[in-house]
């Protein structure tokens, strides 16, 4: 079972912040072999959606199974945005990624109102994001050596 928590940066506990940074680094830096500055001075302006796996044998606060940062309109793009989309390797194949995107879209709309949502998606995940109503709006581009595309959900 996943417990969703949505918090602004200033309300994250040290434990939550550590787990977020650990997961983002584990997947984006180590697994995907991308040397980049993940702490980009944008987190403080964002809301942080965390999906905690609350099973027996997990840490007292649970294990962070899935995470996104929800970016208000104007902070990065004109539109609201969902970024740093990541699923814990231990939670892959469980449907956590689909639950994460559905909850991210719902939360983004609740926070910022009805309107378009822009993402910078890894190209290989295009069909996944299309299943949530996103459409490709750019040619492929390289980001940290990985092909990406911009996608928009009206």
C-alpha atoms as a PDB file:
ATOM      1  CA  UNK A   1       0.000   0.000   0.000  1.00  0.00           C
ATOM      2  CA  UNK A   2       1.312   3.450  -0.897  1.00  0.00           C
ATOM      3  CA  UNK A   3       0.675   6.437   1.359  1.00  0.00           C
ATOM      4  CA  UNK A   4       0.878   9.750  -0.540  1.00  0.00           C
ATOM      5  CA  UNK A   5       2.295  12.854   1.108  1.00  0.00           C
ATOM      6  CA  UNK A   6       2.436  16.266  -0.570  1.00  0.00           C
ATOM      7  CA  UNK A   7       4.524  18.969   1.071  1.00  0.00           C
ATOM      8  CA  UNK A   8       6.208  22.263   0.242  1.00  0.00           C
ATOM      9  CA  UNK A   9       9.993  22.172   0.630  1.00  0.00           C
ATOM     10  CA  UNK A  10       9.983  24.090   3.937  1.00  0.00           C
ATOM     11  CA  UNK A  11       7.796  21.413   5.558  1.00  0.00           C
ATOM     12  CA  UNK A  12       9.874  18.381   4.567  1.00  0.00           C
ATOM     13  CA  UNK A  13      11.361  16.578   7.543  1.00  0.00           C
ATOM     14  CA  UNK A  14      15.086  15.810   7.492  1.00  0.00           C
ATOM     15  CA  UNK A  15      14.186  12.116   6.994  1.00  0.00           C
ATOM     16  CA  UNK A  16      11.927  12.905   4.007  1.00  0.00           C
ATOM     17  CA  UNK A  17      14.488  15.208   2.409  1.00  0.00           C
ATOM     18  CA  UNK A  18      17.246  12.629   2.853  1.00  0.00           C
ATOM     19  CA  UNK A  19      15.112   9.881   1.272  1.00  0.00           C
ATOM     20  CA  UNK A  20      14.130  12.148  -1.657  1.00  0.00           C
ATOM     21  CA  UNK A  21      17.738  13.087  -2.367  1.00  0.00           C
ATOM     22  CA  UNK A  22      18.903   9.504  -1.917  1.00  0.00           C
ATOM     23  CA  UNK A  23      16.307   8.179  -4.396  1.00  0.00           C
ATOM     24  CA  UNK A  24      16.944  10.895  -6.984  1.00  0.00           C
ATOM     25  CA  UNK A  25      20.697  10.275  -6.788  1.00  0.00           C
ATOM     26  CA  UNK A  26      20.324   6.481  -6.791  1.00  0.00           C
ATOM     27  CA  UNK A  27      18.343   6.526 -10.038  1.00  0.00           C
ATOM     28  CA  UNK A  28      19.426   9.648 -11.931  1.00  0.00           C
ATOM     29  CA  UNK A  29      23.122   9.740 -11.020  1.00  0.00           C
ATOM     30  CA  UNK A  30      24.106   6.155 -10.207  1.00  0.00           C
ATOM     31  CA  UNK A  31      21.707   3.952 -12.227  1.00  0.00           C
ATOM     32  CA  UNK A  32      21.459   6.226 -15.281  1.00  0.00           C
ATOM     33  CA  UNK A  33      25.138   7.179 -14.989  1.00  0.00           C
ATOM     34  CA  UNK A  34      24.460  10.929 -15.332  1.00  0.00           C
ATOM     35  CA  UNK A  35      26.832  13.252 -13.580  1.00  0.00           C
ATOM     36  CA  UNK A  36      24.752  16.370 -12.953  1.00  0.00           C
ATOM     37  CA  UNK A  37      23.846  18.757 -10.158  1.00  0.00           C
ATOM     38  CA  UNK A  38      20.501  17.403  -8.938  1.00  0.00           C
ATOM     39  CA  UNK A  39      20.171  20.083  -6.249  1.00  0.00           C
ATOM     40  CA  UNK A  40      19.357  22.884  -8.689  1.00  0.00           C
ATOM     41  CA  UNK A  41      17.941  25.617  -6.408  1.00  0.00           C
ATOM     42  CA  UNK A  42      14.409  24.919  -7.713  1.00  0.00           C
ATOM     43  CA  UNK A  43      13.241  22.534  -4.974  1.00  0.00           C
ATOM     44  CA  UNK A  44      12.402  25.370  -2.575  1.00  0.00           C
ATOM     45  CA  UNK A  45       9.770  26.710  -5.009  1.00  0.00           C
ATOM     46  CA  UNK A  46       8.122  23.327  -5.552  1.00  0.00           C
ATOM     47  CA  UNK A  47       5.720  20.930  -3.909  1.00  0.00           C
ATOM     48  CA  UNK A  48       7.063  17.445  -3.280  1.00  0.00           C
ATOM     49  CA  UNK A  49       4.870  14.391  -3.831  1.00  0.00           C
ATOM     50  CA  UNK A  50       6.106  11.312  -2.025  1.00  0.00           C
ATOM     51  CA  UNK A  51       4.689   7.807  -2.206  1.00  0.00           C
ATOM     52  CA  UNK A  52       5.675   5.846   0.893  1.00  0.00           C
ATOM     53  CA  UNK A  53       5.515   2.053   0.951  1.00  0.00           C
ATOM     54  CA  UNK A  54       4.267   1.145   4.414  1.00  0.00           C
ATOM     55  CA  UNK A  55       4.966  -2.602   4.523  1.00  0.00           C
ATOM     56  CA  UNK A  56       6.292  -4.724   7.329  1.00  0.00           C
ATOM     57  CA  UNK A  57      10.064  -4.629   7.325  1.00  0.00           C
ATOM     58  CA  UNK A  58      10.386  -1.054   6.025  1.00  0.00           C
ATOM     59  CA  UNK A  59      11.936   1.771   8.038  1.00  0.00           C
ATOM     60  CA  UNK A  60       9.678   3.376  10.700  1.00  0.00           C
ATOM     61  CA  UNK A  61       8.728   6.144   8.242  1.00  0.00           C
ATOM     62  CA  UNK A  62       8.329   3.662   5.390  1.00  0.00           C
ATOM     63  CA  UNK A  63      10.335   3.312   2.189  1.00  0.00           C
ATOM     64  CA  UNK A  64      10.094   6.009  -0.458  1.00  0.00           C
ATOM     65  CA  UNK A  65       8.648   4.066  -3.405  1.00  0.00           C
ATOM     66  CA  UNK A  66       7.927   6.940  -5.797  1.00  0.00           C
ATOM     67  CA  UNK A  67       8.456  10.692  -6.006  1.00  0.00           C
ATOM     68  CA  UNK A  68       7.845  13.756  -8.186  1.00  0.00           C
ATOM     69  CA  UNK A  69       8.372  17.451  -7.725  1.00  0.00           C
ATOM     70  CA  UNK A  70       5.462  19.634  -8.790  1.00  0.00           C
ATOM     71  CA  UNK A  71       6.597  22.927 -10.234  1.00  0.00           C
ATOM     72  CA  UNK A  72       4.319  25.983 -10.248  1.00  0.00           C
ATOM     73  CA  UNK A  73       3.679  27.849 -13.491  1.00  0.00           C
ATOM     74  CA  UNK A  74       6.453  30.335 -14.233  1.00  0.00           C
ATOM     75  CA  UNK A  75       9.118  28.661 -12.064  1.00  0.00           C
ATOM     76  CA  UNK A  76      10.687  26.690 -14.933  1.00  0.00           C
ATOM     77  CA  UNK A  77       8.162  26.788 -17.788  1.00  0.00           C
ATOM     78  CA  UNK A  78       5.175  29.007 -18.480  1.00  0.00           C
ATOM     79  CA  UNK A  79       3.002  26.024 -17.573  1.00  0.00           C
ATOM     80  CA  UNK A  80       2.937  23.978 -14.390  1.00  0.00           C
ATOM     81  CA  UNK A  81       5.298  21.034 -14.572  1.00  0.00           C
ATOM     82  CA  UNK A  82       5.901  17.592 -13.144  1.00  0.00           C
ATOM     83  CA  UNK A  83       9.576  16.782 -12.800  1.00  0.00           C
ATOM     84  CA  UNK A  84      12.115  14.483 -11.170  1.00  0.00           C
ATOM     85  CA  UNK A  85       9.714  11.583 -11.798  1.00  0.00           C
ATOM     86  CA  UNK A  86      11.304   8.574 -10.122  1.00  0.00           C
ATOM     87  CA  UNK A  87      10.312   5.124  -8.892  1.00  0.00           C
ATOM     88  CA  UNK A  88      12.433   3.225  -6.407  1.00  0.00           C
ATOM     89  CA  UNK A  89      14.045   0.200  -8.107  1.00  0.00           C
ATOM     90  CA  UNK A  90      12.545  -1.965  -5.329  1.00  0.00           C
ATOM     91  CA  UNK A  91       9.024  -0.773  -6.314  1.00  0.00           C
ATOM     92  CA  UNK A  92       9.301  -1.264 -10.078  1.00  0.00           C
ATOM     93  CA  UNK A  93       6.840  -3.636 -11.664  1.00  0.00           C
ATOM     94  CA  UNK A  94       4.265  -3.000  -8.934  1.00  0.00           C
ATOM     95  CA  UNK A  95       2.280  -0.273 -10.697  1.00  0.00           C
ATOM     96  CA  UNK A  96       3.816   2.414  -8.477  1.00  0.00           C
ATOM     97  CA  UNK A  97       4.873   4.490 -11.515  1.00  0.00           C
ATOM     98  CA  UNK A  98       1.330   4.612 -12.895  1.00  0.00           C
ATOM     99  CA  UNK A  99      -0.062   5.504  -9.470  1.00  0.00           C
ATOM    100  CA  UNK A 100       2.623   8.189  -9.143  1.00  0.00           C
ATOM    101  CA  UNK A 101       1.714   9.876 -12.435  1.00  0.00           C
ATOM    102  CA  UNK A 102      -2.024   9.761 -11.736  1.00  0.00           C
ATOM    103  CA  UNK A 103      -1.494  11.291  -8.281  1.00  0.00           C
ATOM    104  CA  UNK A 104       0.967  13.851  -9.690  1.00  0.00           C
ATOM    105  CA  UNK A 105      -1.531  15.066 -12.293  1.00  0.00           C
ATOM    106  CA  UNK A 106      -4.336  15.189  -9.706  1.00  0.00           C
ATOM    107  CA  UNK A 107      -2.147  17.089  -7.222  1.00  0.00           C
ATOM    108  CA  UNK A 108      -0.780  19.469  -9.860  1.00  0.00           C
ATOM    109  CA  UNK A 109      -4.329  20.384 -10.911  1.00  0.00           C
ATOM    110  CA  UNK A 110      -5.440  20.816  -7.286  1.00  0.00           C
ATOM    111  CA  UNK A 111      -2.451  23.057  -6.508  1.00  0.00           C
ATOM    112  CA  UNK A 112      -2.201  25.156  -9.658  1.00  0.00           C
ATOM    113  CA  UNK A 113      -5.658  24.888 -11.226  1.00  0.00           C
ATOM    114  CA  UNK A 114      -6.844  23.532 -14.528  1.00  0.00           C
ATOM    115  CA  UNK A 115      -4.349  24.199 -17.269  1.00  0.00           C
ATOM    116  CA  UNK A 116      -1.590  22.635 -19.280  1.00  0.00           C
ATOM    117  CA  UNK A 117       1.179  20.612 -17.645  1.00  0.00           C
ATOM    118  CA  UNK A 118       4.601  20.406 -19.328  1.00  0.00           C
ATOM    119  CA  UNK A 119       7.177  17.693 -18.794  1.00  0.00           C
ATOM    120  CA  UNK A 120      10.647  16.969 -20.121  1.00  0.00           C
ATOM    121  CA  UNK A 121      10.340  13.218 -20.678  1.00  0.00           C
ATOM    122  CA  UNK A 122      12.910  10.588 -21.461  1.00  0.00           C
ATOM    123  CA  UNK A 123      12.096   9.539 -25.023  1.00  0.00           C
ATOM    124  CA  UNK A 124      11.755   5.841 -24.208  1.00  0.00           C
ATOM    125  CA  UNK A 125       8.853   6.708 -21.850  1.00  0.00           C
ATOM    126  CA  UNK A 126       6.839   8.553 -24.524  1.00  0.00           C
ATOM    127  CA  UNK A 127       4.047   5.919 -24.715  1.00  0.00           C
ATOM    128  CA  UNK A 128       3.805   5.800 -20.909  1.00  0.00           C
ATOM    129  CA  UNK A 129       3.206   9.572 -20.715  1.00  0.00           C
ATOM    130  CA  UNK A 130       0.866   9.512 -23.728  1.00  0.00           C
ATOM    131  CA  UNK A 131      -1.334   7.117 -21.743  1.00  0.00           C
ATOM    132  CA  UNK A 132      -1.883  10.021 -19.304  1.00  0.00           C
ATOM    133  CA  UNK A 133      -2.858  12.502 -22.036  1.00  0.00           C
ATOM    134  CA  UNK A 134       0.563  14.053 -22.718  1.00  0.00           C
ATOM    135  CA  UNK A 135       1.548  14.763 -26.341  1.00  0.00           C
ATOM    136  CA  UNK A 136       4.999  15.329 -27.794  1.00  0.00           C
ATOM    137  CA  UNK A 137       5.594  19.029 -28.572  1.00  0.00           C
ATOM    138  CA  UNK A 138       9.302  19.072 -29.458  1.00  0.00           C
ATOM    139  CA  UNK A 139      11.947  17.287 -31.413  1.00  0.00           C
ATOM    140  CA  UNK A 140      14.166  14.976 -29.363  1.00  0.00           C
ATOM    141  CA  UNK A 141      17.034  16.648 -27.524  1.00  0.00           C
ATOM    142  CA  UNK A 142      19.867  15.327 -25.371  1.00  0.00           C
ATOM    143  CA  UNK A 143      19.879  16.021 -21.644  1.00  0.00           C
ATOM    144  CA  UNK A 144      22.766  14.493 -19.708  1.00  0.00           C
ATOM    145  CA  UNK A 145      23.376  12.149 -22.654  1.00  0.00           C
ATOM    146  CA  UNK A 146      19.794  10.765 -22.619  1.00  0.00           C
ATOM    147  CA  UNK A 147      17.278  11.513 -25.426  1.00  0.00           C
ATOM    148  CA  UNK A 148      14.359  13.592 -24.104  1.00  0.00           C
ATOM    149  CA  UNK A 149      11.274  15.278 -25.541  1.00  0.00           C
ATOM    150  CA  UNK A 150       8.989  17.981 -24.225  1.00  0.00           C
ATOM    151  CA  UNK A 151       5.430  16.835 -23.740  1.00  0.00           C
ATOM    152  CA  UNK A 152       2.310  18.801 -22.899  1.00  0.00           C
ATOM    153  CA  UNK A 153      -0.970  17.746 -21.312  1.00  0.00           C
ATOM    154  CA  UNK A 154      -3.649  20.293 -22.210  1.00  0.00           C
END
